[in-house]
Amino acid sequence: MPRLPALAAIFAVCLALGAVLAGPVVAEDLLTGVPADVAAAEMAALDVAEEASADAAEKAPVVPVDPGPGVVWVVTLDDEIINRGTRDYYIEAMEQAAADSSVRALVLVLDTPGGSLQSTREMVKAMLISELPLIVYVSPKGARAASAGTFITMAAHVAAMAPATNIGAAHPVMMAPPGVGGGEEDAEKKLDSEAAMLEKVTNDSVAFIRNVAEQRGRNPDWAEQAVRDSVSIQATEAVKLNVVDLEAASLGELLEAIDGREIKVSEELSIVLRTSGQVEHIEMTTAQRVLTMLTHPNVTYLLMALAALGFYLEFNNPGMIVPGVVGGIALLLAAFGLSSIPVNLLALVFVFIGFGCLFAEVYFPSYGLLTVGGSVSLAFGGLFLVKKSPEFNIGVSPEVVLFVVAVSLLCVGLVAWLVWRGHRRKVMGGSEGMVGAQGKVTVAIPGGYEPGRVFVHSEIWQARALRAIAVGSRVRVVGIDGMEVQVEALEERREQQREPSAAEAAAAAEPTEE
């Protein structure tokens, strides 16, 4: 135990001598062997350099890319509603243009009353992520970019309008036929529910169009007014309010005006527009045209009318085949169209009832009541066939409804006239049709009860006559008894119908002696 303090003292002296000989001790980084204070200083310098480079990158402008001359593609929507067909037409053209290295821009010449909000959203979504310069030109004079067209125009990299055009009126629309049955309380609840739904979709549309306007550097406040208050403005005012970029009288003037302009297509990419090159117009494919046509409410309504007419003719004239085939095809096409648009089922029932009443008038005379009721039902169903909503705000045109009603009335009137004329015509078949018919004797008729044979109505009949008639004589049927006809010779009938001579008349006029 006494040795421990001595050992501790010796160990302490050794440490002190080592410290003196080695000099000051410096902490080192265990991984690199670099002194700790030096490593910390280097790390701080690196952090400062990274922050400086990041700030410089944010402040440094994006250098625009000049692709050089090329081709400009042009697609046209001339008085077309926005639906699946027009959506496919534009988006497919956009994708093909982006894949073609020679295309420098895609121009959409737009004239639309609006259409499906769902198709519009898909088009705008594709436009916002596109790195191909997109130009929307509201043209020609008198055209409009209404409702859905407002969203599409504001989503373009360059938006332009021709003189005497307008843009706006993008407020959502909801329309439904009057309810059937129910009290005032139910009607008020329905109105409150529709108002609440309209407010929701309006707010959603406002947020959507404001995002689009801010993304493209346009006027978001006016965009909101266009949705909430259905504001619509002309081209000159649209340029002043920063709704569109410029006004151009023609497509050529527009392309010349924007040639060389720098546009930002993404956060990291700016492009110099080169629109002075060759212009190519891209037409709709046959499939796109058919799809666009079939999904239009006017065409769907006309197809329903054609189907009803075809089935009516086929059912009344079995074996004609053609009307039935045409009616079946029209019905299938109409069903395809109805599957693409929001339909009021009650209005659809009214349409079917209307056609049924019009056709029933021919067979069940109601002194015009069925005709009037069918016409009213057909018109009412056509006007409210489409359930207008923010998703689809295009209905059947009143002119088309009037045309269908007029043609239906004309067809019913024509059929009724043919039926009336048929009732007034002489009967050509049966026993009634045989009386008065003329024929020829093929086997001599001896007269009395002994029969002969005659050829009448392309048939050979056994025949009797009061007097004998030779073979080859012309006869007239005066009656029918079972499978035999009673005839008389035409010469005999003429003799009976011959007017008396003057001598015979004078003799008949002389008084007879009592």
Protein backbone atom coordinates (compact mmCIF):
# COMPACT_ATOMS: atom_id res chain seq x y z
CA MET A 1 0.00 0.00 0.00
CA PRO A 2 2.79 2.54 0.73
CA ARG A 3 4.10 1.96 -2.80
CA LEU A 4 0.93 3.39 -4.55
CA PRO A 5 1.56 7.08 -3.86
CA ALA A 6 5.12 6.69 -5.11
CA LEU A 7 3.94 5.06 -8.39
CA ALA A 8 1.33 7.80 -8.91
CA ALA A 9 3.94 10.48 -8.43
CA ILE A 10 6.30 8.83 -10.96
CA PHE A 11 3.42 8.56 -13.59
CA ALA A 12 2.58 12.25 -13.19
CA VAL A 13 6.19 13.30 -13.70
CA CYS A 14 6.39 11.23 -16.91
CA LEU A 15 3.28 12.91 -18.34
CA ALA A 16 4.61 16.32 -17.64
CA LEU A 17 7.94 15.52 -19.35
CA GLY A 18 6.04 14.15 -22.41
CA ALA A 19 3.94 17.31 -22.71
CA VAL A 20 7.02 19.51 -22.60
CA LEU A 21 8.82 17.47 -25.25
CA ALA A 22 5.80 17.06 -27.66
CA GLY A 23 4.53 20.65 -27.60
CA PRO A 24 0.85 21.71 -27.60
CA VAL A 25 -1.72 19.06 -28.50
CA VAL A 26 -4.06 19.92 -31.55
CA ALA A 27 -7.42 18.13 -32.09
CA GLU A 28 -7.71 16.45 -35.50
CA ASP A 29 -10.56 15.18 -37.64
CA LEU A 30 -10.74 11.46 -37.11
CA LEU A 31 -11.65 10.68 -40.75
CA THR A 32 -9.37 13.03 -42.67
CA GLY A 33 -6.62 13.80 -40.26
CA VAL A 34 -7.23 17.54 -40.86
CA PRO A 35 -7.27 19.74 -37.78
CA ALA A 36 -10.82 20.27 -36.56
CA ASP A 37 -10.78 24.06 -36.71
CA VAL A 38 -9.48 23.99 -40.29
CA ALA A 39 -12.22 21.52 -41.34
CA ALA A 40 -14.92 23.69 -39.79
CA ALA A 41 -13.66 26.76 -41.64
CA GLU A 42 -13.66 24.90 -44.94
CA MET A 43 -17.22 23.66 -44.42
CA ALA A 44 -18.40 27.18 -43.64
CA ALA A 45 -16.77 28.47 -46.81
CA LEU A 46 -18.45 25.76 -48.88
CA ASP A 47 -21.87 26.63 -47.42
CA VAL A 48 -21.38 30.29 -48.26
CA ALA A 49 -20.33 29.41 -51.81
CA GLU A 50 -23.36 27.20 -52.33
CA GLU A 51 -25.73 29.89 -51.08
CA ALA A 52 -24.08 32.46 -53.30
CA SER A 53 -24.35 30.21 -56.37
CA ALA A 54 -28.00 29.48 -55.61
CA ASP A 55 -28.77 33.21 -55.28
CA ALA A 56 -26.91 33.88 -58.47
CA ALA A 57 -28.87 31.14 -60.27
CA GLU A 58 -32.15 32.62 -59.06
CA LYS A 59 -31.18 36.12 -60.11
CA ALA A 60 -29.63 35.10 -63.43
CA PRO A 61 -32.11 35.41 -66.35
CA VAL A 62 -33.02 32.33 -68.38
CA VAL A 63 -31.33 32.57 -71.76
CA PRO A 64 -34.01 32.15 -74.45
CA VAL A 65 -33.54 29.38 -76.99
CA ASP A 66 -33.79 30.35 -80.64
CA PRO A 67 -34.90 27.23 -82.58
CA GLY A 68 -34.58 28.94 -85.96
CA PRO A 69 -37.12 28.97 -88.79
CA GLY A 70 -39.60 26.17 -89.13
CA VAL A 71 -43.22 25.25 -89.75
CA VAL A 72 -46.32 26.63 -88.01
CA TRP A 73 -49.28 24.29 -87.61
CA VAL A 74 -52.83 25.66 -87.54
CA VAL A 75 -55.91 23.85 -86.19
CA THR A 76 -59.37 25.38 -86.48
CA LEU A 77 -62.49 25.10 -84.33
CA ASP A 78 -65.08 27.03 -86.31
CA ASP A 79 -68.30 27.40 -84.32
CA GLU A 80 -67.64 24.07 -82.62
CA ILE A 81 -68.60 23.18 -79.08
CA ILE A 82 -65.91 21.85 -76.78
CA ASN A 83 -66.51 18.12 -76.40
CA ARG A 84 -64.64 14.85 -76.67
CA GLY A 85 -64.17 15.19 -80.41
CA THR A 86 -62.72 18.71 -80.38
CA ARG A 87 -60.63 17.83 -77.33
CA ASP A 88 -59.06 14.85 -79.10
CA TYR A 89 -58.50 16.95 -82.22
CA TYR A 90 -56.54 19.66 -80.38
CA ILE A 91 -54.59 17.46 -77.95
CA GLU A 92 -53.55 14.99 -80.66
CA ALA A 93 -52.41 17.87 -82.87
CA MET A 94 -50.44 19.24 -79.90
CA GLU A 95 -48.74 15.91 -79.27
CA GLN A 96 -47.87 15.41 -82.94
CA ALA A 97 -46.50 18.94 -83.22
CA ALA A 98 -44.36 18.47 -80.11
CA ALA A 99 -42.93 15.28 -81.59
CA ASP A 100 -42.09 16.98 -84.90
CA SER A 101 -38.80 18.88 -84.62
CA SER A 102 -39.70 21.13 -87.57
CA VAL A 103 -42.80 22.62 -85.90
CA ARG A 104 -42.15 25.92 -84.15
CA ALA A 105 -45.68 26.74 -82.89
CA LEU A 106 -49.26 25.47 -82.86
CA VAL A 107 -52.01 28.01 -83.59
CA LEU A 108 -55.63 27.37 -82.58
CA VAL A 109 -58.11 29.49 -84.56
CA LEU A 110 -61.03 29.51 -82.13
CA ASP A 111 -64.73 30.26 -82.41
CA THR A 112 -66.83 28.45 -79.80
CA PRO A 113 -69.95 29.04 -77.71
CA GLY A 114 -68.55 26.83 -74.93
CA GLY A 115 -69.09 23.21 -74.06
CA SER A 116 -68.02 20.55 -71.61
CA LEU A 117 -66.00 21.80 -68.66
CA GLN A 118 -64.38 18.38 -68.27
CA SER A 119 -63.04 18.45 -71.85
CA THR A 120 -61.96 22.06 -71.29
CA ARG A 121 -59.99 21.13 -68.17
CA GLU A 122 -58.19 18.36 -70.04
CA MET A 123 -57.29 20.73 -72.86
CA VAL A 124 -56.05 23.44 -70.47
CA LYS A 125 -54.04 20.91 -68.46
CA ALA A 126 -52.26 19.78 -71.61
CA MET A 127 -51.63 23.41 -72.59
CA LEU A 128 -50.10 24.36 -69.23
CA ILE A 129 -47.52 21.57 -69.31
CA SER A 130 -46.65 21.95 -72.98
CA GLU A 131 -43.20 23.25 -73.91
CA LEU A 132 -44.35 23.80 -77.49
CA PRO A 133 -45.40 27.45 -78.07
CA LEU A 134 -49.20 27.54 -78.15
CA ILE A 135 -51.10 30.41 -79.75
CA VAL A 136 -54.87 30.93 -79.56
CA TYR A 137 -56.42 33.31 -82.09
CA VAL A 138 -60.11 34.18 -81.69
CA SER A 139 -61.17 34.60 -85.30
CA PRO A 140 -62.79 35.42 -87.74
CA LYS A 141 -64.68 38.67 -87.22
CA GLY A 142 -67.84 37.99 -85.26
CA ALA A 143 -66.34 34.96 -83.54
CA ARG A 144 -66.34 34.48 -79.76
CA ALA A 145 -64.43 32.63 -77.11
CA ALA A 146 -67.35 32.20 -74.76
CA SER A 147 -67.56 30.08 -71.64
CA ALA A 148 -65.07 27.24 -72.12
CA GLY A 149 -63.35 29.24 -74.85
CA THR A 150 -62.30 31.82 -72.24
CA PHE A 151 -60.34 29.20 -70.28
CA ILE A 152 -58.62 27.92 -73.43
CA THR A 153 -57.68 31.39 -74.67
CA MET A 154 -56.16 32.46 -71.36
CA ALA A 155 -54.13 29.22 -71.14
CA ALA A 156 -52.19 29.96 -74.34
CA HIS A 157 -48.63 31.28 -74.39
CA VAL A 158 -49.83 33.96 -76.82
CA ALA A 159 -53.50 34.99 -76.96
CA ALA A 160 -54.83 37.19 -79.76
CA MET A 161 -58.20 38.32 -81.05
CA ALA A 162 -59.48 39.57 -84.38
CA PRO A 163 -61.48 42.81 -84.52
CA ALA A 164 -65.21 42.53 -83.73
CA THR A 165 -64.71 39.43 -81.58
CA ASN A 166 -65.48 38.93 -77.89
CA ILE A 167 -64.35 36.85 -74.96
CA GLY A 168 -65.93 36.03 -71.60
CA ALA A 169 -69.35 34.96 -70.28
CA ALA A 170 -67.84 31.99 -68.50
CA HIS A 171 -70.36 31.73 -65.67
CA PRO A 172 -71.50 28.14 -65.01
CA VAL A 173 -75.02 27.34 -66.15
CA MET A 174 -77.47 24.89 -64.60
CA MET A 175 -80.81 24.21 -66.23
CA ALA A 176 -83.46 21.61 -65.53
CA PRO A 177 -87.12 21.18 -66.44
CA PRO A 178 -89.80 22.08 -63.93
CA GLY A 179 -90.39 19.39 -61.36
CA VAL A 180 -93.43 17.19 -61.47
CA GLY A 181 -95.45 16.87 -58.30
CA GLY A 182 -94.31 17.81 -54.81
CA GLY A 183 -95.28 20.81 -52.75
CA GLU A 184 -93.82 24.25 -52.34
CA GLU A 185 -91.50 23.04 -49.60
CA ASP A 186 -89.99 20.40 -51.89
CA ALA A 187 -89.58 22.97 -54.65
CA GLU A 188 -87.80 25.36 -52.29
CA LYS A 189 -85.47 22.61 -51.10
CA LYS A 190 -84.65 21.73 -54.69
CA LEU A 191 -83.92 25.35 -55.54
CA ASP A 192 -81.72 25.72 -52.46
CA SER A 193 -79.83 22.56 -53.38
CA GLU A 194 -79.28 23.73 -56.96
CA ALA A 195 -78.15 27.16 -55.73
CA ALA A 196 -75.65 25.57 -53.35
CA MET A 197 -74.32 23.31 -56.09
CA LEU A 198 -74.02 26.25 -58.47
CA GLU A 199 -72.09 28.25 -55.88
CA LYS A 200 -69.68 25.35 -55.33
CA VAL A 201 -68.93 24.85 -59.00
CA THR A 202 -68.65 28.61 -59.50
CA ASN A 203 -66.03 28.88 -56.78
CA ASP A 204 -64.19 25.93 -58.24
CA SER A 205 -64.25 27.50 -61.71
CA VAL A 206 -63.02 30.81 -60.28
CA ALA A 207 -60.04 29.14 -58.64
CA PHE A 208 -59.31 27.28 -61.85
CA ILE A 209 -59.36 30.32 -64.14
CA ARG A 210 -57.38 32.47 -61.69
CA ASN A 211 -54.65 29.85 -61.61
CA VAL A 212 -54.58 29.78 -65.40
CA ALA A 213 -54.43 33.59 -65.64
CA GLU A 214 -51.64 33.90 -63.07
CA GLN A 215 -49.66 31.11 -64.72
CA ARG A 216 -49.73 33.00 -68.05
CA GLY A 217 -49.30 36.49 -66.56
CA ARG A 218 -52.80 37.67 -67.46
CA ASN A 219 -55.44 39.58 -65.51
CA PRO A 220 -56.80 37.22 -62.82
CA ASP A 221 -59.32 39.76 -61.49
CA TRP A 222 -61.07 40.07 -64.84
CA ALA A 223 -60.95 36.30 -65.24
CA GLU A 224 -62.83 35.96 -61.96
CA GLN A 225 -65.43 38.49 -63.12
CA ALA A 226 -65.94 36.53 -66.32
CA VAL A 227 -66.88 33.50 -64.24
CA ARG A 228 -68.84 35.15 -61.44
CA ASP A 229 -70.61 37.92 -63.37
CA SER A 230 -70.55 36.58 -66.94
CA VAL A 231 -68.55 39.61 -68.09
CA SER A 232 -67.81 39.69 -71.82
CA ILE A 233 -65.52 42.19 -73.56
CA GLN A 234 -64.40 43.04 -77.08
CA ALA A 235 -60.93 42.64 -78.52
CA THR A 236 -59.68 46.20 -77.94
CA GLU A 237 -60.74 46.21 -74.30
CA ALA A 238 -59.31 42.71 -73.81
CA VAL A 239 -55.87 43.98 -74.88
CA LYS A 240 -56.09 46.99 -72.53
CA LEU A 241 -57.09 44.80 -69.57
CA ASN A 242 -54.27 42.32 -70.25
CA VAL A 243 -56.70 39.54 -70.99
CA VAL A 244 -55.07 38.84 -74.36
CA ASP A 245 -51.75 39.96 -75.78
CA LEU A 246 -52.68 41.64 -79.03
CA GLU A 247 -55.28 42.30 -81.70
CA ALA A 248 -54.66 41.15 -85.27
CA ALA A 249 -56.83 41.49 -88.34
CA SER A 250 -55.67 38.23 -89.93
CA LEU A 251 -53.66 35.13 -89.20
CA GLY A 252 -50.80 36.36 -91.36
CA GLU A 253 -50.68 39.66 -89.50
CA LEU A 254 -50.65 37.80 -86.17
CA LEU A 255 -47.76 35.52 -87.16
CA GLU A 256 -45.78 38.49 -88.44
CA ALA A 257 -46.41 40.47 -85.25
CA ILE A 258 -45.24 37.76 -82.85
CA ASP A 259 -42.24 36.59 -84.88
CA GLY A 260 -39.15 37.04 -82.72
CA ARG A 261 -41.07 37.44 -79.46
CA GLU A 262 -39.66 35.69 -76.39
CA ILE A 263 -42.08 33.53 -74.42
CA LYS A 264 -41.59 31.48 -71.28
CA VAL A 265 -42.84 27.94 -71.80
CA SER A 266 -41.62 26.61 -68.43
CA GLU A 267 -39.68 27.69 -65.35
CA GLU A 268 -36.36 26.74 -66.95
CA LEU A 269 -37.06 27.35 -70.64
CA SER A 270 -37.76 30.43 -72.75
CA ILE A 271 -38.15 30.25 -76.51
CA VAL A 272 -37.90 32.82 -79.29
CA LEU A 273 -40.96 32.49 -81.52
CA ARG A 274 -40.24 31.86 -85.17
CA THR A 275 -43.58 32.14 -86.98
CA SER A 276 -42.56 33.55 -90.35
CA GLY A 277 -42.12 30.16 -91.96
CA GLN A 278 -44.47 27.82 -93.78
CA VAL A 279 -48.04 27.50 -92.43
CA GLU A 280 -49.76 24.10 -92.50
CA HIS A 281 -53.44 23.62 -91.67
CA ILE A 282 -54.22 20.39 -89.81
CA GLU A 283 -57.69 19.05 -90.53
CA MET A 284 -59.82 16.81 -88.35
CA THR A 285 -59.69 13.11 -89.05
CA THR A 286 -62.87 11.34 -90.10
CA ALA A 287 -63.18 9.70 -86.68
CA GLN A 288 -62.80 13.05 -84.92
CA ARG A 289 -65.43 14.66 -87.17
CA VAL A 290 -67.90 11.85 -86.54
CA LEU A 291 -67.28 11.95 -82.78
CA THR A 292 -67.70 15.72 -82.72
CA MET A 293 -70.90 15.53 -84.73
CA LEU A 294 -72.50 12.69 -82.76
CA THR A 295 -71.91 14.33 -79.39
CA HIS A 296 -73.71 17.51 -80.43
CA PRO A 297 -77.21 17.69 -78.85
CA ASN A 298 -78.80 18.91 -82.09
CA VAL A 299 -77.54 15.88 -84.01
CA THR A 300 -78.60 13.51 -81.23
CA TYR A 301 -82.13 14.93 -81.28
CA LEU A 302 -82.33 14.65 -85.08
CA LEU A 303 -81.13 11.04 -84.94
CA MET A 304 -83.88 10.22 -82.46
CA ALA A 305 -86.44 11.68 -84.84
CA LEU A 306 -84.99 9.73 -87.76
CA ALA A 307 -85.07 6.50 -85.74
CA ALA A 308 -88.74 7.04 -84.83
CA LEU A 309 -89.67 7.71 -88.46
CA GLY A 310 -87.77 4.64 -89.70
CA PHE A 311 -89.43 2.30 -87.21
CA TYR A 312 -92.84 3.78 -87.95
CA LEU A 313 -92.48 3.09 -91.68
CA GLU A 314 -91.11 -0.41 -91.07
CA PHE A 315 -93.89 -1.42 -88.66
CA ASN A 316 -96.57 -0.17 -91.05
CA ASN A 317 -94.93 -1.73 -94.10
CA PRO A 318 -93.30 -4.98 -92.97
CA GLY A 319 -90.66 -6.22 -95.33
CA MET A 320 -89.42 -2.84 -96.59
CA ILE A 321 -86.20 -3.50 -94.60
CA VAL A 322 -84.52 -0.20 -95.50
CA PRO A 323 -86.53 2.00 -93.08
CA GLY A 324 -85.98 -0.51 -90.29
CA VAL A 325 -82.23 -0.69 -90.88
CA VAL A 326 -81.92 3.10 -91.09
CA GLY A 327 -84.00 3.48 -87.94
CA GLY A 328 -81.89 0.94 -86.05
CA ILE A 329 -78.61 2.61 -87.02
CA ALA A 330 -79.99 6.04 -86.14
CA LEU A 331 -81.14 4.75 -82.76
CA LEU A 332 -77.70 3.32 -81.95
CA LEU A 333 -75.98 6.54 -82.97
CA ALA A 334 -78.45 8.54 -80.91
CA ALA A 335 -77.74 6.29 -77.92
CA PHE A 336 -74.02 6.93 -78.38
CA GLY A 337 -74.67 10.66 -78.38
CA LEU A 338 -76.90 10.44 -75.31
CA SER A 339 -74.11 8.59 -73.49
CA SER A 340 -71.81 11.57 -74.01
CA ILE A 341 -74.12 14.34 -72.83
CA PRO A 342 -76.05 14.81 -69.58
CA VAL A 343 -79.66 13.88 -70.31
CA ASN A 344 -82.87 14.66 -68.44
CA LEU A 345 -84.65 11.31 -68.30
CA LEU A 346 -88.03 13.01 -67.85
CA ALA A 347 -87.43 15.07 -71.00
CA LEU A 348 -86.42 11.91 -72.87
CA VAL A 349 -89.72 10.29 -71.86
CA PHE A 350 -91.56 13.36 -73.17
CA VAL A 351 -89.81 12.95 -76.53
CA PHE A 352 -90.93 9.32 -76.83
CA ILE A 353 -94.48 10.19 -75.76
CA GLY A 354 -94.57 12.97 -78.35
CA PHE A 355 -93.65 10.66 -81.23
CA GLY A 356 -96.10 8.05 -79.96
CA CYS A 357 -99.01 10.53 -79.85
CA LEU A 358 -98.30 11.83 -83.34
CA PHE A 359 -98.26 8.36 -84.86
CA ALA A 360 -101.30 7.22 -82.87
CA GLU A 361 -103.37 10.04 -84.39
CA VAL A 362 -103.41 8.18 -87.71
CA TYR A 363 -105.11 5.10 -86.26
CA PHE A 364 -107.08 6.55 -83.36
CA PRO A 365 -108.87 9.69 -84.57
CA SER A 366 -109.03 12.19 -81.73
CA TYR A 367 -109.98 15.23 -83.78
CA GLY A 368 -106.49 16.66 -83.40
CA LEU A 369 -106.04 16.21 -79.65
CA LEU A 370 -103.30 13.59 -79.98
CA THR A 371 -101.52 15.74 -82.58
CA VAL A 372 -101.54 18.82 -80.38
CA GLY A 373 -100.48 16.86 -77.31
CA GLY A 374 -97.72 15.06 -79.20
CA SER A 375 -96.36 18.30 -80.64
CA VAL A 376 -96.23 19.98 -77.23
CA SER A 377 -94.61 16.93 -75.65
CA LEU A 378 -92.04 16.66 -78.44
CA ALA A 379 -91.11 20.35 -78.19
CA PHE A 380 -90.93 20.29 -74.39
CA GLY A 381 -88.75 17.18 -74.35
CA GLY A 382 -86.40 18.59 -76.99
CA LEU A 383 -85.88 21.92 -75.23
CA PHE A 384 -85.02 20.25 -71.92
CA LEU A 385 -83.36 17.11 -73.31
CA VAL A 386 -79.90 18.22 -72.16
CA LYS A 387 -79.36 18.80 -68.45
CA LYS A 388 -77.32 21.96 -68.62
CA SER A 389 -74.63 22.25 -65.99
CA PRO A 390 -71.13 23.63 -65.59
CA GLU A 391 -69.91 20.41 -67.17
CA PHE A 392 -72.06 20.88 -70.28
CA ASN A 393 -73.89 24.09 -71.13
CA ILE A 394 -75.01 23.45 -74.72
CA GLY A 395 -78.58 22.29 -75.36
CA VAL A 396 -80.80 21.50 -78.32
CA SER A 397 -81.42 24.61 -80.40
CA PRO A 398 -85.04 25.84 -80.50
CA GLU A 399 -84.75 26.01 -84.29
CA VAL A 400 -83.93 22.29 -84.43
CA VAL A 401 -86.83 21.47 -82.12
CA LEU A 402 -89.19 23.49 -84.33
CA PHE A 403 -87.86 21.74 -87.45
CA VAL A 404 -88.37 18.26 -85.96
CA VAL A 405 -91.90 19.11 -84.80
CA ALA A 406 -92.78 20.57 -88.21
CA VAL A 407 -91.42 17.58 -90.12
CA SER A 408 -93.19 15.17 -87.77
CA LEU A 409 -96.49 16.98 -88.26
CA LEU A 410 -95.94 16.97 -92.02
CA CYS A 411 -95.29 13.22 -92.03
CA VAL A 412 -98.35 12.54 -89.88
CA GLY A 413 -100.47 14.75 -92.09
CA LEU A 414 -99.24 12.98 -95.21
CA VAL A 415 -99.98 9.54 -93.76
CA ALA A 416 -103.41 10.68 -92.60
CA TRP A 417 -104.20 12.02 -96.08
CA LEU A 418 -103.12 8.74 -97.68
CA VAL A 419 -105.35 6.80 -95.28
CA TRP A 420 -108.31 9.08 -96.01
CA ARG A 421 -107.75 8.75 -99.76
CA GLY A 422 -107.55 4.97 -99.42
CA HIS A 423 -110.91 4.87 -97.64
CA ARG A 424 -112.53 6.83 -100.49
CA ARG A 425 -111.10 4.69 -103.27
CA LYS A 426 -113.06 1.91 -104.83
CA VAL A 427 -112.49 -1.50 -103.27
CA MET A 428 -110.27 -3.62 -105.51
CA GLY A 429 -110.27 -6.92 -103.61
CA GLY A 430 -112.81 -9.40 -102.24
CA SER A 431 -116.36 -9.76 -103.47
CA GLU A 432 -116.85 -6.02 -103.58
CA GLY A 433 -113.86 -5.65 -105.85
CA MET A 434 -115.12 -8.30 -108.27
CA VAL A 435 -118.48 -6.63 -109.01
CA GLY A 436 -118.10 -4.47 -112.08
CA ALA A 437 -114.89 -6.12 -113.21
CA GLN A 438 -114.63 -7.10 -116.87
CA GLY A 439 -113.29 -10.34 -118.25
CA LYS A 440 -113.33 -12.77 -121.15
CA VAL A 441 -115.20 -16.05 -121.65
CA THR A 442 -112.83 -19.02 -121.90
CA VAL A 443 -115.47 -21.78 -121.83
CA ALA A 444 -118.87 -21.07 -123.40
CA ILE A 445 -121.67 -20.27 -120.99
CA PRO A 446 -124.88 -22.11 -122.12
CA GLY A 447 -127.10 -19.91 -120.00
CA GLY A 448 -129.43 -20.77 -117.19
CA TYR A 449 -127.95 -23.03 -114.53
CA GLU A 450 -125.20 -24.47 -116.68
CA PRO A 451 -121.86 -22.80 -115.83
CA GLY A 452 -119.04 -21.78 -118.11
CA ARG A 453 -115.72 -20.17 -117.33
CA VAL A 454 -114.41 -16.63 -117.52
CA PHE A 455 -111.00 -14.99 -117.01
CA VAL A 456 -111.32 -12.07 -114.57
CA HIS A 457 -108.66 -10.32 -112.43
CA SER A 458 -106.00 -12.70 -113.78
CA GLU A 459 -108.02 -15.64 -112.44
CA ILE A 460 -110.31 -18.27 -114.00
CA TRP A 461 -113.79 -18.36 -112.46
CA GLN A 462 -116.84 -20.52 -112.99
CA ALA A 463 -119.55 -18.25 -114.36
CA ARG A 464 -123.33 -18.34 -115.01
CA ALA A 465 -125.42 -16.05 -117.15
CA LEU A 466 -129.09 -15.63 -117.98
CA ARG A 467 -128.34 -15.97 -121.66
CA ALA A 468 -125.83 -18.02 -123.60
CA ILE A 469 -122.46 -16.34 -124.20
CA ALA A 470 -119.95 -17.59 -126.75
CA VAL A 471 -116.22 -18.16 -126.19
CA GLY A 472 -114.13 -15.01 -126.52
CA SER A 473 -116.98 -12.64 -125.65
CA ARG A 474 -116.32 -9.79 -123.25
CA VAL A 475 -118.38 -9.99 -120.07
CA ARG A 476 -118.95 -7.96 -116.95
CA VAL A 477 -119.37 -9.37 -113.44
CA VAL A 478 -122.70 -8.40 -111.93
CA GLY A 479 -122.59 -10.56 -108.82
CA ILE A 480 -120.75 -13.28 -106.94
CA ASP A 481 -122.08 -16.40 -105.28
CA GLY A 482 -119.49 -18.40 -103.39
CA MET A 483 -116.91 -19.54 -105.91
CA GLU A 484 -119.03 -18.62 -108.94
CA VAL A 485 -119.65 -15.28 -110.58
CA GLN A 486 -122.69 -14.04 -112.39
CA VAL A 487 -121.89 -12.24 -115.62
CA GLU A 488 -123.55 -10.59 -118.55
CA ALA A 489 -122.29 -9.91 -122.03
CA LEU A 490 -121.12 -6.38 -122.63
CA GLU A 491 -123.06 -6.25 -125.94
CA GLU A 492 -126.23 -7.21 -124.07
CA ARG A 493 -125.64 -4.49 -121.52
CA ARG A 494 -125.02 -1.97 -124.27
CA GLU A 495 -128.25 -3.05 -125.91
CA GLN A 496 -130.10 -2.49 -122.67
CA GLN A 497 -128.49 0.89 -122.20
CA ARG A 498 -128.97 1.97 -125.85
CA GLU A 499 -131.13 5.03 -126.22
CA PRO A 500 -134.49 4.46 -128.11
CA SER A 501 -134.75 5.75 -131.67
CA ALA A 502 -137.08 8.60 -132.67
CA ALA A 503 -139.69 6.20 -134.12
CA GLU A 504 -139.65 4.13 -130.95
CA ALA A 505 -139.98 7.24 -128.84
CA ALA A 506 -142.94 8.49 -130.93
CA ALA A 507 -144.64 5.11 -130.77
CA ALA A 508 -144.20 5.05 -127.07
CA ALA A 509 -145.70 8.51 -126.81
CA GLU A 510 -148.93 7.64 -128.81
CA PRO A 511 -152.00 7.00 -126.59
CA THR A 512 -153.18 3.45 -126.50
CA GLU A 513 -156.82 2.52 -127.24
CA GLU A 514 -158.88 1.23 -124.41
